[in-house]
Amino acid sequence: MISVTESAAEKAIALINSNDTESNLGLRMQVVGGGCSGFQYNLEFGTAKNTDKVFEFHGLKVFIDPRSTLYLAGSVLDYNDGLMDSGFKITNPNAKNTCGCGESFNV
């Protein structure tokens, strides 16, 4: 199971509403191969696929494919809106190492 903070859900919902009025859109969280540490996160807006696990946090639908669910278990998606550091951030307890920029990880 993952969790999404209220600030991350609010920001994602605002972005969805500003780009599209389709009510079944949500946030797809995915782990894909790549980056300098082996895996990287992919966040995008879309609809659920047949095999996705669907979660809802603070009114935000989150879709995760079965393979990514294994890598994201226990992770927290947050959003920070600071001057020096703004954007979505995933804190993943399964990541053993991350690269210097924090965009990729390995398990």
N, C-alpha and C. Protein backbone atom coordinates (compact mmCIF):
# COMPACT_ATOMS: atom_id res chain seq x y z
N MET A 1 0.84 -1.18 0.00
CA MET A 1 0.00 0.00 0.00
C MET A 1 0.89 1.24 0.00
N ILE A 2 0.47 2.22 -0.73
CA ILE A 2 1.15 3.50 -0.74
C ILE A 2 0.31 4.51 0.01
N SER A 3 0.84 5.71 0.19
CA SER A 3 0.02 6.79 0.73
C SER A 3 0.37 8.08 -0.02
N VAL A 4 -0.58 8.98 -0.05
CA VAL A 4 -0.44 10.26 -0.73
C VAL A 4 -0.83 11.34 0.27
N THR A 5 0.05 12.33 0.46
CA THR A 5 -0.26 13.40 1.39
C THR A 5 -1.37 14.28 0.82
N GLU A 6 -1.98 15.02 1.70
CA GLU A 6 -3.05 15.92 1.27
C GLU A 6 -2.54 16.97 0.29
N SER A 7 -1.34 17.50 0.52
CA SER A 7 -0.80 18.51 -0.38
C SER A 7 -0.52 17.93 -1.77
N ALA A 8 -0.05 16.69 -1.85
CA ALA A 8 0.18 16.06 -3.16
C ALA A 8 -1.14 15.81 -3.88
N ALA A 9 -2.15 15.36 -3.15
CA ALA A 9 -3.45 15.11 -3.76
C ALA A 9 -4.06 16.41 -4.27
N GLU A 10 -3.99 17.46 -3.48
CA GLU A 10 -4.55 18.75 -3.88
C GLU A 10 -3.88 19.28 -5.14
N LYS A 11 -2.55 19.19 -5.22
CA LYS A 11 -1.82 19.68 -6.38
C LYS A 11 -2.16 18.85 -7.62
N ALA A 12 -2.20 17.53 -7.48
CA ALA A 12 -2.53 16.67 -8.62
C ALA A 12 -3.94 16.94 -9.12
N ILE A 13 -4.89 17.09 -8.21
CA ILE A 13 -6.27 17.38 -8.60
C ILE A 13 -6.34 18.73 -9.32
N ALA A 14 -5.62 19.72 -8.83
CA ALA A 14 -5.61 21.04 -9.48
C ALA A 14 -5.04 20.93 -10.89
N LEU A 15 -3.98 20.15 -11.07
CA LEU A 15 -3.39 19.98 -12.40
C LEU A 15 -4.34 19.24 -13.33
N ILE A 16 -4.99 18.21 -12.82
CA ILE A 16 -5.97 17.47 -13.63
C ILE A 16 -7.10 18.39 -14.06
N ASN A 17 -7.63 19.16 -13.12
CA ASN A 17 -8.76 20.04 -13.42
C ASN A 17 -8.38 21.17 -14.38
N SER A 18 -7.13 21.61 -14.35
CA SER A 18 -6.72 22.69 -15.24
C SER A 18 -6.46 22.20 -16.66
N ASN A 19 -6.24 20.91 -16.83
CA ASN A 19 -5.92 20.37 -18.15
C ASN A 19 -7.06 19.62 -18.81
N ASP A 20 -8.00 19.12 -18.02
CA ASP A 20 -9.05 18.28 -18.62
C ASP A 20 -10.23 18.22 -17.66
N THR A 21 -11.39 18.04 -18.19
CA THR A 21 -12.59 17.93 -17.36
C THR A 21 -13.09 16.50 -17.28
N GLU A 22 -12.35 15.56 -17.83
CA GLU A 22 -12.75 14.15 -17.79
C GLU A 22 -12.69 13.65 -16.35
N SER A 23 -13.79 13.18 -15.83
CA SER A 23 -13.89 12.85 -14.41
C SER A 23 -13.18 11.57 -14.01
N ASN A 24 -12.84 10.71 -14.96
CA ASN A 24 -12.20 9.45 -14.58
C ASN A 24 -10.68 9.51 -14.64
N LEU A 25 -10.11 10.71 -14.81
CA LEU A 25 -8.66 10.84 -14.81
C LEU A 25 -8.12 10.74 -13.39
N GLY A 26 -6.94 10.20 -13.30
CA GLY A 26 -6.25 10.09 -12.03
C GLY A 26 -4.76 10.17 -12.27
N LEU A 27 -4.00 9.89 -11.24
CA LEU A 27 -2.54 9.92 -11.31
C LEU A 27 -2.02 8.50 -11.42
N ARG A 28 -1.26 8.24 -12.47
CA ARG A 28 -0.61 6.94 -12.64
C ARG A 28 0.79 7.04 -12.05
N MET A 29 1.08 6.15 -11.09
CA MET A 29 2.42 6.05 -10.51
C MET A 29 3.02 4.76 -11.05
N GLN A 30 4.24 4.88 -11.58
CA GLN A 30 4.85 3.74 -12.23
C GLN A 30 6.35 3.72 -11.95
N VAL A 31 6.90 2.52 -11.87
CA VAL A 31 8.34 2.33 -11.79
C VAL A 31 8.77 1.73 -13.11
N VAL A 32 9.74 2.36 -13.76
CA VAL A 32 10.23 1.89 -15.05
C VAL A 32 11.75 1.75 -14.97
N GLY A 33 12.30 0.94 -15.85
CA GLY A 33 13.74 0.79 -15.91
C GLY A 33 14.37 2.06 -16.47
N GLY A 34 15.55 2.40 -15.95
CA GLY A 34 16.26 3.57 -16.46
C GLY A 34 16.89 4.37 -15.35
N GLY A 35 17.44 5.48 -15.72
CA GLY A 35 18.14 6.31 -14.75
C GLY A 35 19.51 5.73 -14.42
N CYS A 36 20.28 6.45 -13.68
CA CYS A 36 21.65 5.99 -13.39
C CYS A 36 21.71 4.93 -12.29
N SER A 37 20.59 4.68 -11.60
CA SER A 37 20.59 3.65 -10.55
C SER A 37 19.78 2.42 -10.91
N GLY A 38 19.16 2.38 -12.06
CA GLY A 38 18.46 1.18 -12.50
C GLY A 38 16.96 1.32 -12.68
N PHE A 39 16.29 2.04 -11.77
CA PHE A 39 14.85 2.27 -11.85
C PHE A 39 14.57 3.75 -11.68
N GLN A 40 13.46 4.18 -12.27
CA GLN A 40 13.05 5.56 -12.06
C GLN A 40 11.52 5.62 -11.96
N TYR A 41 11.04 6.69 -11.37
CA TYR A 41 9.61 6.89 -11.19
C TYR A 41 9.02 7.60 -12.40
N ASN A 42 7.80 7.26 -12.71
CA ASN A 42 7.07 7.93 -13.77
C ASN A 42 5.70 8.31 -13.21
N LEU A 43 5.38 9.59 -13.23
CA LEU A 43 4.08 10.08 -12.81
C LEU A 43 3.42 10.71 -14.02
N GLU A 44 2.18 10.32 -14.29
CA GLU A 44 1.43 10.92 -15.40
C GLU A 44 -0.05 10.83 -15.12
N PHE A 45 -0.81 11.67 -15.78
CA PHE A 45 -2.26 11.64 -15.64
C PHE A 45 -2.85 10.74 -16.70
N GLY A 46 -3.86 9.96 -16.32
CA GLY A 46 -4.50 9.06 -17.27
C GLY A 46 -5.67 8.36 -16.62
N THR A 47 -6.10 7.30 -17.27
CA THR A 47 -7.21 6.50 -16.77
C THR A 47 -6.69 5.13 -16.35
N ALA A 48 -7.49 4.43 -15.57
CA ALA A 48 -7.10 3.12 -15.08
C ALA A 48 -7.11 2.09 -16.20
N LYS A 49 -6.14 1.19 -16.15
CA LYS A 49 -6.11 0.04 -17.06
C LYS A 49 -6.72 -1.15 -16.32
N ASN A 50 -7.08 -2.18 -17.05
CA ASN A 50 -7.77 -3.34 -16.45
C ASN A 50 -7.00 -3.98 -15.31
N THR A 51 -5.68 -4.01 -15.39
CA THR A 51 -4.87 -4.70 -14.39
C THR A 51 -4.39 -3.80 -13.26
N ASP A 52 -4.68 -2.51 -13.33
CA ASP A 52 -4.20 -1.57 -12.31
C ASP A 52 -4.88 -1.79 -10.97
N LYS A 53 -4.12 -1.52 -9.92
CA LYS A 53 -4.71 -1.37 -8.60
C LYS A 53 -5.11 0.09 -8.49
N VAL A 54 -6.32 0.34 -8.01
CA VAL A 54 -6.84 1.70 -7.92
C VAL A 54 -7.00 2.08 -6.45
N PHE A 55 -6.43 3.20 -6.09
CA PHE A 55 -6.50 3.73 -4.74
C PHE A 55 -7.13 5.12 -4.81
N GLU A 56 -7.61 5.61 -3.69
CA GLU A 56 -8.09 6.99 -3.64
C GLU A 56 -7.60 7.63 -2.35
N PHE A 57 -7.00 8.80 -2.50
CA PHE A 57 -6.47 9.57 -1.37
C PHE A 57 -6.93 11.01 -1.48
N HIS A 58 -7.65 11.49 -0.50
CA HIS A 58 -8.08 12.89 -0.45
C HIS A 58 -8.76 13.31 -1.75
N GLY A 59 -9.53 12.40 -2.36
CA GLY A 59 -10.25 12.70 -3.58
C GLY A 59 -9.48 12.45 -4.87
N LEU A 60 -8.22 12.04 -4.77
CA LEU A 60 -7.38 11.75 -5.94
C LEU A 60 -7.36 10.26 -6.20
N LYS A 61 -7.70 9.86 -7.44
CA LYS A 61 -7.57 8.46 -7.85
C LYS A 61 -6.12 8.22 -8.25
N VAL A 62 -5.54 7.12 -7.76
CA VAL A 62 -4.16 6.75 -8.07
C VAL A 62 -4.18 5.36 -8.67
N PHE A 63 -3.51 5.20 -9.82
CA PHE A 63 -3.46 3.93 -10.54
C PHE A 63 -2.03 3.41 -10.54
N ILE A 64 -1.87 2.14 -10.16
CA ILE A 64 -0.54 1.53 -10.12
C ILE A 64 -0.63 0.14 -10.75
N ASP A 65 0.25 -0.13 -11.70
CA ASP A 65 0.27 -1.45 -12.33
C ASP A 65 0.84 -2.48 -11.34
N PRO A 66 0.54 -3.77 -11.53
CA PRO A 66 0.96 -4.79 -10.56
C PRO A 66 2.47 -4.83 -10.31
N ARG A 67 3.30 -4.68 -11.35
CA ARG A 67 4.74 -4.74 -11.17
C ARG A 67 5.23 -3.56 -10.33
N SER A 68 4.72 -2.38 -10.61
CA SER A 68 5.13 -1.19 -9.86
C SER A 68 4.68 -1.25 -8.41
N THR A 69 3.56 -1.92 -8.17
CA THR A 69 3.05 -2.06 -6.80
C THR A 69 4.11 -2.69 -5.89
N LEU A 70 4.84 -3.66 -6.42
CA LEU A 70 5.89 -4.32 -5.63
C LEU A 70 6.98 -3.35 -5.22
N TYR A 71 7.40 -2.48 -6.12
CA TYR A 71 8.47 -1.53 -5.85
C TYR A 71 8.01 -0.33 -5.02
N LEU A 72 6.72 0.00 -5.10
CA LEU A 72 6.20 1.19 -4.42
C LEU A 72 5.58 0.90 -3.05
N ALA A 73 5.52 -0.35 -2.65
CA ALA A 73 4.88 -0.70 -1.37
C ALA A 73 5.49 0.10 -0.22
N GLY A 74 4.63 0.77 0.53
CA GLY A 74 5.07 1.57 1.67
C GLY A 74 5.53 2.97 1.32
N SER A 75 5.51 3.34 0.04
CA SER A 75 5.99 4.65 -0.40
C SER A 75 4.98 5.75 -0.07
N VAL A 76 5.49 6.96 0.04
CA VAL A 76 4.67 8.15 0.29
C VAL A 76 4.93 9.15 -0.82
N LEU A 77 3.86 9.62 -1.45
CA LEU A 77 3.95 10.69 -2.45
C LEU A 77 3.58 11.99 -1.76
N ASP A 78 4.48 12.97 -1.85
CA ASP A 78 4.26 14.27 -1.23
C ASP A 78 4.49 15.35 -2.28
N TYR A 79 4.03 16.55 -1.98
CA TYR A 79 4.27 17.70 -2.85
C TYR A 79 4.78 18.84 -1.98
N ASN A 80 5.88 19.43 -2.40
CA ASN A 80 6.47 20.56 -1.69
C ASN A 80 6.45 21.77 -2.62
N ASP A 81 6.06 22.92 -2.09
CA ASP A 81 5.97 24.13 -2.89
C ASP A 81 6.89 25.20 -2.32
N GLY A 82 8.15 24.84 -2.10
CA GLY A 82 9.10 25.79 -1.54
C GLY A 82 9.88 26.53 -2.61
N LEU A 83 10.62 27.53 -2.20
CA LEU A 83 11.43 28.32 -3.13
C LEU A 83 12.59 27.52 -3.72
N MET A 84 13.23 26.71 -2.91
CA MET A 84 14.40 25.97 -3.36
C MET A 84 14.07 24.56 -3.85
N ASP A 85 12.95 24.05 -3.43
CA ASP A 85 12.62 22.66 -3.75
C ASP A 85 11.12 22.55 -3.91
N SER A 86 10.63 22.53 -5.13
CA SER A 86 9.20 22.35 -5.31
C SER A 86 8.95 21.23 -6.30
N GLY A 87 7.88 20.50 -6.06
CA GLY A 87 7.50 19.40 -6.94
C GLY A 87 7.07 18.19 -6.14
N PHE A 88 6.70 17.15 -6.88
CA PHE A 88 6.31 15.89 -6.25
C PHE A 88 7.56 15.14 -5.82
N LYS A 89 7.45 14.46 -4.68
CA LYS A 89 8.57 13.68 -4.17
C LYS A 89 8.03 12.35 -3.66
N ILE A 90 8.71 11.27 -4.03
CA ILE A 90 8.35 9.93 -3.55
C ILE A 90 9.39 9.49 -2.54
N THR A 91 8.94 9.16 -1.35
CA THR A 91 9.80 8.58 -0.33
C THR A 91 9.52 7.08 -0.34
N ASN A 92 10.52 6.31 -0.73
CA ASN A 92 10.34 4.87 -0.93
C ASN A 92 11.22 4.09 0.03
N PRO A 93 10.63 3.37 0.99
CA PRO A 93 11.43 2.60 1.94
C PRO A 93 12.13 1.40 1.30
N ASN A 94 11.74 1.02 0.09
CA ASN A 94 12.35 -0.12 -0.59
C ASN A 94 13.63 0.24 -1.33
N ALA A 95 13.86 1.53 -1.56
CA ALA A 95 15.04 1.97 -2.30
C ALA A 95 16.27 1.84 -1.43
N LYS A 96 17.21 1.01 -1.87
CA LYS A 96 18.45 0.82 -1.13
C LYS A 96 19.44 1.94 -1.42
N ASN A 97 19.47 2.39 -2.67
CA ASN A 97 20.35 3.48 -3.09
C ASN A 97 19.60 4.37 -4.06
N THR A 98 19.94 5.65 -4.03
CA THR A 98 19.39 6.59 -5.01
C THR A 98 20.55 7.32 -5.65
N CYS A 99 20.30 7.87 -6.83
CA CYS A 99 21.36 8.65 -7.49
C CYS A 99 21.43 10.04 -6.83
N GLY A 100 22.42 10.80 -7.20
CA GLY A 100 22.63 12.11 -6.61
C GLY A 100 21.49 13.07 -6.82
N CYS A 101 20.81 12.97 -7.97
CA CYS A 101 19.71 13.90 -8.24
C CYS A 101 18.40 13.41 -7.64
N GLY A 102 18.35 12.18 -7.14
CA GLY A 102 17.15 11.64 -6.51
C GLY A 102 16.08 11.17 -7.49
N GLU A 103 16.41 11.11 -8.77
CA GLU A 103 15.43 10.72 -9.78
C GLU A 103 15.39 9.21 -10.04
N SER A 104 16.42 8.49 -9.64
CA SER A 104 16.41 7.05 -9.86
C SER A 104 16.88 6.32 -8.60
N PHE A 105 16.63 5.02 -8.57
CA PHE A 105 16.93 4.24 -7.37
C PHE A 105 17.19 2.78 -7.75
N ASN A 106 17.70 2.01 -6.79
CA ASN A 106 17.77 0.55 -6.97
C ASN A 106 17.30 -0.12 -5.69
N VAL A 107 16.93 -1.39 -5.83
CA VAL A 107 16.42 -2.15 -4.69
C VAL A 107 17.29 -3.34 -4.40
